[in-house]
Amino acid sequence: MDINKVIEVDILAVGVHPDDVELMCSGTLLKHIAAGFSVGILDLSLGELGTRGNANIRTQEAFAAAKIMKAKFRTQLNLTDVFFEYSESSLRAIIQIIRECRPKIVLINAKTDRHPDHGRAAVLVKDACYYSGLIKIETEWASKRQKEWRPQSVYHCIQDQFFKPDFVVDITDFIEAKMNLITTFKSQFYDPNSTEPNSPISSKDFLDAVKAQAKVAGRYVQKEYAEGFHITRPIEIQNLFHII
């Protein structure tokens, strides 16, 4: 399988930085992959302005993590880290990916967070999901005109700053696999042998906090670990018994 090749998937997870997806929703992705659903990952930037590592190292780590996860593909847009803009070119680049992989569900960055890029990217991708369904916006992929596509649902993940979720996904059986995926990004997270500058995410305490946040989310539904999400619109259900 060519993990660089964008193909149709059930769920597309989008993060502005390599490792965002692993931090914010990889437990949920692993659970759905185990249940037979297909997953693709899109990184908007290469994370080149992060305190540690560089674009090449972070890209290598990102694709290694995607293979471990068994994602169907991972692709990167190379929008400028920190300085990416809400622009027609940025929207079109995201729309092309959405139309090519035709996901039913898209998971995106938090509405607001400690890192300003997260909230800015959330708006950009949420809008691209809508615009992707407009017939008169024309895009091409591999020299072929793409058909319009609008995902059924777009959900915001919870990231560094914890907010009360609108719903949670039990990831108890996948918490250790999630932590393993996160630590695949060796340049970014705790490494006692690293000679690079310290950052807010490079301490052991940060990894402990990630696991603790999942534990807090799990408390809402009396599970050991969970990941929380925010909705962009009311969710339709067929009957009340669909809600656990």
Protein backbone atom coordinates (compact mmCIF):
# COMPACT_ATOMS: atom_id res chain seq x y z
CA MET A 1 0.00 0.00 0.00
CA ASP A 2 1.24 3.47 -0.92
CA ILE A 3 0.50 5.50 2.23
CA ASN A 4 1.11 8.72 0.28
CA LYS A 5 -1.77 7.99 -2.13
CA VAL A 6 -5.02 9.74 -1.20
CA ILE A 7 -7.92 7.28 -1.46
CA GLU A 8 -11.52 7.15 -0.27
CA VAL A 9 -11.91 6.70 3.49
CA ASP A 10 -14.66 6.77 6.11
CA ILE A 11 -12.90 9.24 8.42
CA LEU A 12 -10.43 12.03 7.64
CA ALA A 13 -8.45 13.42 10.59
CA VAL A 14 -6.89 16.82 9.97
CA GLY A 15 -4.26 18.51 12.12
CA VAL A 16 -2.30 21.68 11.46
CA HIS A 17 0.95 20.11 12.74
CA PRO A 18 2.35 16.59 12.38
CA ASP A 19 1.50 14.88 15.72
CA ASP A 20 -1.73 16.88 16.26
CA VAL A 21 -3.84 13.96 15.08
CA GLU A 22 -2.00 11.51 17.33
CA LEU A 23 -2.42 13.75 20.36
CA MET A 24 -6.04 14.75 19.85
CA CYS A 25 -7.88 11.73 18.45
CA SER A 26 -5.66 8.73 17.72
CA GLY A 27 -7.44 6.56 20.29
CA THR A 28 -10.72 7.15 18.47
CA LEU A 29 -9.09 6.45 15.10
CA LEU A 30 -7.53 3.22 16.35
CA LYS A 31 -10.89 2.09 17.73
CA HIS A 32 -12.64 2.74 14.41
CA ILE A 33 -9.89 1.05 12.40
CA ALA A 34 -10.24 -2.01 14.64
CA ALA A 35 -13.99 -1.95 13.92
CA GLY A 36 -13.36 -2.03 10.17
CA PHE A 37 -13.59 1.66 9.25
CA SER A 38 -10.96 3.33 7.08
CA VAL A 39 -8.99 6.40 8.14
CA GLY A 40 -6.89 9.02 6.35
CA ILE A 41 -4.72 11.75 7.86
CA LEU A 42 -3.99 15.24 6.58
CA ASP A 43 -1.30 17.51 8.05
CA LEU A 44 -1.73 21.11 6.96
CA SER A 45 1.89 22.04 7.69
CA LEU A 46 5.22 20.31 8.27
CA GLY A 47 5.59 21.86 11.73
CA GLU A 48 8.86 23.43 10.64
CA LEU A 49 8.76 26.18 13.28
CA GLY A 50 8.42 23.86 16.25
CA THR A 51 11.01 24.29 19.01
CA ARG A 52 12.43 20.82 18.42
CA GLY A 53 13.15 18.84 15.29
CA ASN A 54 12.67 20.07 11.74
CA ALA A 55 10.35 19.49 8.79
CA ASN A 56 12.19 16.40 7.52
CA ILE A 57 12.37 14.68 10.90
CA ARG A 58 8.76 15.43 11.74
CA THR A 59 7.60 14.14 8.37
CA GLN A 60 9.48 10.88 8.87
CA GLU A 61 7.92 10.50 12.31
CA ALA A 62 4.46 11.32 10.96
CA PHE A 63 4.57 8.64 8.28
CA ALA A 64 5.98 6.10 10.73
CA ALA A 65 3.06 6.79 13.07
CA ALA A 66 0.53 6.50 10.24
CA LYS A 67 1.88 3.07 9.29
CA ILE A 68 1.70 1.89 12.89
CA MET A 69 -1.89 3.16 13.10
CA LYS A 70 -2.70 1.41 9.79
CA ALA A 71 -4.14 4.57 8.28
CA LYS A 72 -4.99 4.23 4.60
CA PHE A 73 -2.99 7.34 3.77
CA ARG A 74 -1.24 10.36 5.22
CA THR A 75 -0.63 13.47 3.15
CA GLN A 76 0.84 16.89 3.94
CA LEU A 77 -0.02 20.23 2.35
CA ASN A 78 3.07 22.17 3.45
CA LEU A 79 1.12 25.31 4.36
CA THR A 80 3.50 27.63 6.20
CA ASP A 81 3.67 26.76 9.89
CA VAL A 82 2.40 29.65 12.07
CA PHE A 83 2.02 32.01 9.09
CA PHE A 84 -0.51 30.01 7.05
CA GLU A 85 -3.36 32.16 5.80
CA TYR A 86 -7.09 31.86 5.41
CA SER A 87 -7.03 32.22 1.65
CA GLU A 88 -8.49 30.82 -1.53
CA SER A 89 -5.35 28.81 -2.21
CA SER A 90 -5.39 27.23 1.28
CA LEU A 91 -9.10 26.41 1.04
CA ARG A 92 -8.70 24.90 -2.44
CA ALA A 93 -5.81 22.71 -1.31
CA ILE A 94 -7.93 21.27 1.51
CA ILE A 95 -11.00 20.94 -0.70
CA GLN A 96 -8.99 18.85 -3.17
CA ILE A 97 -8.11 16.36 -0.43
CA ILE A 98 -11.69 16.21 0.87
CA ARG A 99 -13.10 15.63 -2.60
CA GLU A 100 -10.52 12.97 -3.36
CA CYS A 101 -10.96 10.93 -0.17
CA ARG A 102 -14.72 11.66 0.26
CA PRO A 103 -14.91 11.10 4.03
CA LYS A 104 -18.20 10.79 5.87
CA ILE A 105 -16.65 12.24 9.05
CA VAL A 106 -13.88 14.81 9.45
CA LEU A 107 -12.08 15.34 12.77
CA ILE A 108 -10.33 18.70 13.12
CA ASN A 109 -8.36 20.85 15.54
CA ALA A 110 -9.87 22.38 18.67
CA LYS A 111 -11.98 25.53 18.34
CA THR A 112 -9.52 27.34 20.61
CA ASP A 113 -6.32 26.24 22.33
CA ARG A 114 -2.98 27.30 23.79
CA HIS A 115 -1.35 27.21 20.36
CA PRO A 116 -3.04 29.84 18.14
CA ASP A 117 -2.58 27.68 15.04
CA HIS A 118 -5.10 25.14 16.35
CA GLY A 119 -8.10 27.44 16.43
CA ARG A 120 -7.14 29.14 13.16
CA ALA A 121 -6.77 25.79 11.40
CA ALA A 122 -10.11 24.62 12.82
CA VAL A 123 -11.92 27.50 11.12
CA LEU A 124 -10.05 26.97 7.85
CA VAL A 125 -10.80 23.24 7.64
CA LYS A 126 -14.40 23.52 8.85
CA ASP A 127 -15.12 26.07 6.12
CA ALA A 128 -13.32 23.95 3.51
CA CYS A 129 -15.58 21.02 4.42
CA TYR A 130 -18.59 23.19 3.60
CA TYR A 131 -17.18 24.77 0.46
CA SER A 132 -16.19 21.33 -0.81
CA GLY A 133 -19.88 20.70 -1.38
CA LEU A 134 -20.40 23.70 -3.64
CA ILE A 135 -20.82 22.62 -7.27
CA LYS A 136 -19.46 25.84 -8.77
CA ILE A 137 -16.10 25.59 -6.99
CA GLU A 138 -14.07 23.67 -9.55
CA THR A 139 -11.01 21.62 -8.60
CA GLU A 140 -8.86 19.04 -10.31
CA TRP A 141 -6.88 16.03 -9.11
CA ALA A 142 -4.45 14.20 -11.38
CA SER A 143 -5.73 16.33 -14.29
CA LYS A 144 -9.32 15.21 -13.74
CA ARG A 145 -12.15 17.43 -12.57
CA GLN A 146 -13.34 16.49 -9.10
CA LYS A 147 -16.95 16.09 -8.05
CA GLU A 148 -18.27 18.07 -5.12
CA TRP A 149 -18.36 16.36 -1.71
CA ARG A 150 -19.51 17.52 1.71
CA PRO A 151 -18.81 15.34 4.77
CA GLN A 152 -21.81 14.32 6.85
CA SER A 153 -20.22 15.50 10.10
CA VAL A 154 -17.31 17.64 11.27
CA TYR A 155 -16.15 17.31 14.88
CA HIS A 156 -13.66 19.45 16.79
CA CYS A 157 -11.18 17.57 18.96
CA ILE A 158 -10.07 18.68 22.41
CA GLN A 159 -6.35 19.40 22.61
CA ASP A 160 -4.05 20.98 25.20
CA GLN A 161 -6.73 23.02 26.97
CA PHE A 162 -9.48 20.82 28.34
CA PHE A 163 -13.09 21.88 27.84
CA LYS A 164 -16.24 19.96 28.73
CA PRO A 165 -16.90 17.75 25.68
CA ASP A 166 -20.19 17.48 23.81
CA PHE A 167 -19.57 13.74 23.48
CA VAL A 168 -16.79 11.30 24.26
CA VAL A 169 -15.47 8.08 22.74
CA ASP A 170 -14.34 5.30 25.08
CA ILE A 171 -10.69 4.53 24.20
CA THR A 172 -9.84 2.41 27.25
CA ASP A 173 -8.69 -0.50 25.09
CA PHE A 174 -6.54 1.78 22.95
CA ILE A 175 -4.89 4.17 25.41
CA GLU A 176 -1.51 2.43 25.39
CA ALA A 177 -1.51 2.24 21.59
CA LYS A 178 -2.32 5.96 21.52
CA MET A 179 0.60 6.76 23.81
CA ASN A 180 2.86 4.61 21.63
CA LEU A 181 1.82 6.59 18.56
CA ILE A 182 2.54 9.87 20.33
CA THR A 183 6.03 8.80 21.36
CA THR A 184 6.78 7.86 17.74
CA PHE A 185 7.42 11.61 17.45
CA LYS A 186 10.71 11.30 19.32
CA SER A 187 11.88 14.76 18.29
CA GLN A 188 8.93 16.42 20.01
CA PHE A 189 8.26 14.61 23.25
CA TYR A 190 10.12 13.45 26.32
CA ASP A 191 13.62 12.22 25.61
CA PRO A 192 16.10 12.47 28.50
CA ASN A 193 18.99 12.21 26.04
CA SER A 194 17.90 15.10 23.84
CA THR A 195 20.20 18.11 23.57
CA GLU A 196 17.54 20.34 22.01
CA PRO A 197 15.81 23.18 23.90
CA ASN A 198 13.02 22.32 26.30
CA SER A 199 9.49 23.07 25.18
CA PRO A 200 6.04 22.93 26.79
CA ILE A 201 5.53 19.45 25.30
CA SER A 202 8.98 17.92 25.81
CA SER A 203 8.68 17.05 29.51
CA LYS A 204 7.53 13.73 30.94
CA ASP A 205 4.80 15.70 32.71
CA PHE A 206 3.22 16.52 29.35
CA LEU A 207 2.78 12.84 28.44
CA ASP A 208 1.35 12.22 31.90
CA ALA A 209 -1.07 15.11 31.30
CA VAL A 210 -2.23 13.64 27.98
CA LYS A 211 -3.11 10.39 29.71
CA ALA A 212 -4.69 12.22 32.64
CA GLN A 213 -6.89 14.25 30.28
CA ALA A 214 -8.15 11.02 28.73
CA LYS A 215 -8.93 9.78 32.22
CA VAL A 216 -10.93 12.93 32.99
CA ALA A 217 -12.89 12.54 29.74
CA GLY A 218 -13.59 8.93 30.65
CA ARG A 219 -15.12 9.98 33.95
CA TYR A 220 -18.02 11.58 32.11
CA VAL A 221 -19.19 8.14 30.98
CA GLN A 222 -17.68 5.98 33.74
CA LYS A 223 -14.96 4.58 31.51
CA GLU A 224 -11.25 4.50 32.30
CA TYR A 225 -10.12 6.56 29.29
CA ALA A 226 -11.89 8.55 26.58
CA GLU A 227 -11.39 11.29 24.00
CA GLY A 228 -13.73 14.27 23.89
CA PHE A 229 -15.17 16.16 20.94
CA HIS A 230 -17.23 19.25 20.20
CA ILE A 231 -19.94 19.34 17.56
CA THR A 232 -20.45 22.07 14.96
CA ARG A 233 -24.20 21.49 14.67
CA PRO A 234 -26.91 19.46 16.44
CA ILE A 235 -26.62 15.72 15.82
CA GLU A 236 -29.57 13.81 14.40
CA ILE A 237 -30.40 10.48 16.03
CA GLN A 238 -33.00 7.93 14.96
CA ASN A 239 -34.13 7.15 18.49
CA LEU A 240 -33.13 7.93 22.07
CA PHE A 241 -31.53 4.50 22.54
CA HIS A 242 -28.68 5.50 20.25
CA ILE A 243 -27.42 7.69 23.08
CA ILE A 244 -25.47 5.76 25.71
